[in-house]
């Protein structure tokens, strides 16, 4: 009985965390850079930008609508940026062109689907307290530990997708500087 209560509590915490992750990725996409820029000060950010990049990259960042207001993506990825005739990115294992597609919306959809799956698993775990899901193919649904493990996998996937979102969006915004360099 205590094991069931502990697992159900862990499932509840996992579902709450999944809902929090939706908020967290939404916040990161819409407010986090602006907030850190306000705390850091825009002039200080551009001073660091001037210290880290050649003058033509800084000038291109000043021309870009998004980066002129917020150079945080360029500062975050400064070790990955390779400046030649154009800006290239140092990916793990190779140097290539920056991402040209904005992956923000599809990745947000993945996070929302993960959250819905987490809520389904939470509801399923409560349902199976009183009832048993019939059928051999669905026997895993009656085991709270299996449901908890699936929930943990979903939470880890959501965390990875959220980190990937920030990375790809930074690279996308940095890649837009090539319009001003050439």
Protein backbone atom coordinates (compact mmCIF):
# COMPACT_ATOMS: atom_id res chain seq x y z
CA UNK A 1 0.00 0.00 0.00
CA UNK A 2 2.78 2.46 0.94
CA UNK A 3 4.63 1.66 -2.29
CA UNK A 4 1.50 2.47 -4.29
CA UNK A 5 1.01 5.76 -2.45
CA UNK A 6 4.68 6.67 -2.99
CA UNK A 7 4.52 5.85 -6.70
CA UNK A 8 1.24 7.75 -7.15
CA UNK A 9 2.75 10.74 -5.33
CA UNK A 10 5.78 10.58 -7.64
CA UNK A 11 3.43 10.43 -10.63
CA UNK A 12 1.53 13.47 -9.34
CA UNK A 13 4.80 15.38 -8.92
CA UNK A 14 5.87 14.30 -12.42
CA UNK A 15 2.62 15.52 -13.97
CA UNK A 16 2.94 18.82 -12.12
CA UNK A 17 6.51 19.13 -13.41
CA UNK A 18 5.34 18.39 -16.97
CA UNK A 19 2.86 21.25 -16.73
CA UNK A 20 5.61 23.46 -15.32
CA UNK A 21 7.83 22.58 -18.29
CA UNK A 22 5.21 23.97 -20.67
CA UNK A 23 5.28 27.22 -18.71
CA UNK A 24 9.08 27.17 -18.60
CA UNK A 25 9.55 26.77 -22.36
CA UNK A 26 6.91 29.44 -23.04
CA UNK A 27 8.67 31.79 -20.63
CA UNK A 28 12.08 31.04 -22.17
CA UNK A 29 10.73 31.70 -25.65
CA UNK A 30 9.05 34.98 -24.81
CA UNK A 31 10.60 36.68 -21.79
CA UNK A 32 13.84 35.18 -20.48
CA UNK A 33 16.32 37.01 -22.73
CA UNK A 34 14.55 40.32 -22.28
CA UNK A 35 14.61 39.89 -18.51
CA UNK A 36 18.29 38.98 -18.41
CA UNK A 37 19.06 41.90 -20.73
CA UNK A 38 17.19 44.28 -18.42
CA UNK A 39 19.17 43.02 -15.41
CA UNK A 40 22.47 43.01 -17.29
CA UNK A 41 21.94 46.27 -19.11
CA UNK A 42 21.91 46.57 -22.87
CA UNK A 43 25.08 48.66 -23.04
CA UNK A 44 27.00 46.10 -21.02
CA UNK A 45 25.81 43.30 -23.32
CA UNK A 46 26.94 45.21 -26.40
CA UNK A 47 30.29 45.99 -24.73
CA UNK A 48 30.81 42.24 -24.25
CA UNK A 49 29.68 41.70 -27.84
CA UNK A 50 32.31 44.16 -29.08
CA UNK A 51 34.97 42.38 -27.05
CA UNK A 52 34.03 38.93 -28.38
CA UNK A 53 33.43 39.57 -32.11
CA UNK A 54 34.93 41.47 -35.04
CA UNK A 55 33.47 44.92 -35.73
CA UNK A 56 31.59 43.77 -38.84
CA UNK A 57 29.70 41.12 -36.81
CA UNK A 58 28.80 43.70 -34.16
CA UNK A 59 27.63 46.07 -36.92
CA UNK A 60 25.54 43.27 -38.44
CA UNK A 61 24.01 42.55 -35.02
CA UNK A 62 23.10 46.23 -34.69
CA UNK A 63 21.33 46.05 -38.08
CA UNK A 64 19.35 42.91 -37.24
CA UNK A 65 16.01 43.80 -35.65
CA UNK A 66 16.02 41.03 -33.04
CA UNK A 67 19.71 41.01 -32.12
CA UNK A 68 19.92 44.81 -31.96
CA UNK A 69 17.38 44.69 -29.14
CA UNK A 70 18.79 41.57 -27.54
CA UNK A 71 22.29 40.25 -28.29
CA UNK A 72 22.02 37.45 -25.69
CA UNK A 73 21.84 34.58 -28.26
CA UNK A 74 25.06 35.78 -29.86
CA UNK A 75 26.75 36.08 -26.48
CA UNK A 76 25.50 32.66 -25.36
CA UNK A 77 26.85 30.94 -28.48
CA UNK A 78 30.03 32.98 -28.95
CA UNK A 79 32.21 29.86 -28.67
CA UNK A 80 30.23 28.18 -31.44
CA UNK A 81 30.38 31.09 -33.89
CA UNK A 82 33.06 30.93 -36.58
CA UNK A 83 33.47 34.14 -38.58
CA UNK A 84 34.90 33.74 -42.06
CA UNK A 85 33.33 35.30 -45.17
CA UNK A 86 30.06 34.40 -43.53
CA UNK A 87 29.03 33.21 -40.12
CA UNK A 88 29.32 29.48 -39.62
CA UNK A 89 28.53 27.41 -36.55
CA UNK A 90 30.73 24.90 -34.76
CA UNK A 91 28.40 21.96 -34.19
CA UNK A 92 29.51 18.89 -32.24
CA UNK A 93 31.87 17.22 -34.72
CA UNK A 94 31.77 19.67 -37.65
CA UNK A 95 31.51 23.27 -38.75
CA UNK A 96 28.54 24.14 -40.93
CA UNK A 97 25.98 26.70 -41.88
CA UNK A 98 23.56 27.98 -39.26
CA UNK A 99 20.04 26.61 -39.06
CA UNK A 100 17.85 28.38 -41.61
CA UNK A 101 14.46 27.25 -40.33
CA UNK A 102 12.84 28.48 -37.13
CA UNK A 103 12.01 25.30 -35.20
CA UNK A 104 10.30 27.08 -32.33
CA UNK A 105 6.67 26.23 -33.12
CA UNK A 106 7.19 22.51 -33.91
CA UNK A 107 9.25 22.04 -30.76
CA UNK A 108 6.62 23.80 -28.65
CA UNK A 109 4.03 21.42 -30.10
CA UNK A 110 6.22 18.47 -29.03
CA UNK A 111 6.39 19.88 -25.49
CA UNK A 112 2.61 20.34 -25.41
CA UNK A 113 2.05 16.77 -26.62
CA UNK A 114 4.47 15.50 -23.98
CA UNK A 115 2.53 17.42 -21.33
CA UNK A 116 -0.74 15.90 -22.53
CA UNK A 117 0.83 12.42 -22.44
CA UNK A 118 2.04 13.08 -18.89
CA UNK A 119 -1.46 14.16 -17.84
CA UNK A 120 -2.89 11.04 -19.52
CA UNK A 121 -0.46 8.84 -17.59
CA UNK A 122 -1.35 10.64 -14.35
CA UNK A 123 -5.07 10.13 -15.01
CA UNK A 124 -4.43 6.53 -16.00
CA UNK A 125 -2.59 5.86 -12.75
CA UNK A 126 -5.56 7.20 -10.76
CA UNK A 127 -8.00 5.19 -12.87
CA UNK A 128 -6.09 1.97 -12.26
CA UNK A 129 -6.31 2.45 -8.49
CA UNK A 130 -10.01 1.56 -8.65
CA UNK A 131 -10.28 -0.29 -11.96
CA UNK A 132 -8.09 -2.56 -14.01
CA UNK A 133 -7.51 -1.95 -17.70
CA UNK A 134 -8.55 -5.20 -19.44
CA UNK A 135 -6.49 -7.07 -22.02
CA UNK A 136 -2.98 -8.45 -22.17
CA UNK A 137 -1.77 -5.72 -24.52
CA UNK A 138 -2.72 -3.10 -21.91
CA UNK A 139 -1.41 -4.93 -18.84
CA UNK A 140 1.43 -2.39 -18.51
CA UNK A 141 -1.18 0.28 -17.79
CA UNK A 142 -2.08 -1.44 -14.54
CA UNK A 143 1.48 -1.34 -13.22
CA UNK A 144 2.15 2.01 -11.51
CA UNK A 145 5.92 1.61 -11.68
CA UNK A 146 5.78 1.21 -15.47
CA UNK A 147 3.57 4.29 -15.71
CA UNK A 148 6.04 6.20 -13.52
CA UNK A 149 8.98 5.13 -15.70
CA UNK A 150 7.13 6.24 -18.84
CA UNK A 151 6.41 9.55 -17.17
CA UNK A 152 10.10 10.00 -16.31
CA UNK A 153 11.03 9.28 -19.94
CA UNK A 154 8.51 11.87 -21.14
CA UNK A 155 9.89 14.44 -18.70
CA UNK A 156 13.44 13.79 -19.87
CA UNK A 157 12.35 14.08 -23.51
CA UNK A 158 10.63 17.37 -22.76
CA UNK A 159 13.74 18.70 -21.03
CA UNK A 160 15.91 17.75 -24.02
CA UNK A 161 13.43 19.35 -26.44
CA UNK A 162 13.37 22.56 -24.39
CA UNK A 163 17.18 22.77 -24.42
CA UNK A 164 17.22 21.99 -28.15
CA UNK A 165 14.69 24.77 -28.71
CA UNK A 166 16.91 27.39 -27.09
CA UNK A 167 19.99 26.12 -28.96
CA UNK A 168 18.36 25.98 -32.39
CA UNK A 169 16.66 29.34 -31.97
CA UNK A 170 19.94 30.99 -30.98
CA UNK A 171 21.67 29.46 -34.02
CA UNK A 172 18.77 30.53 -36.27
CA UNK A 173 18.96 34.13 -35.06
CA UNK A 174 22.76 34.20 -35.40
CA UNK A 175 22.50 32.79 -38.92
CA UNK A 176 20.31 35.71 -39.93
CA UNK A 177 23.36 37.94 -39.54
CA UNK A 178 24.73 36.55 -42.82
CA UNK A 179 22.20 38.80 -44.61
CA UNK A 180 24.09 41.82 -43.31
CA UNK A 181 27.62 40.50 -43.76
CA UNK A 182 27.55 39.70 -47.48
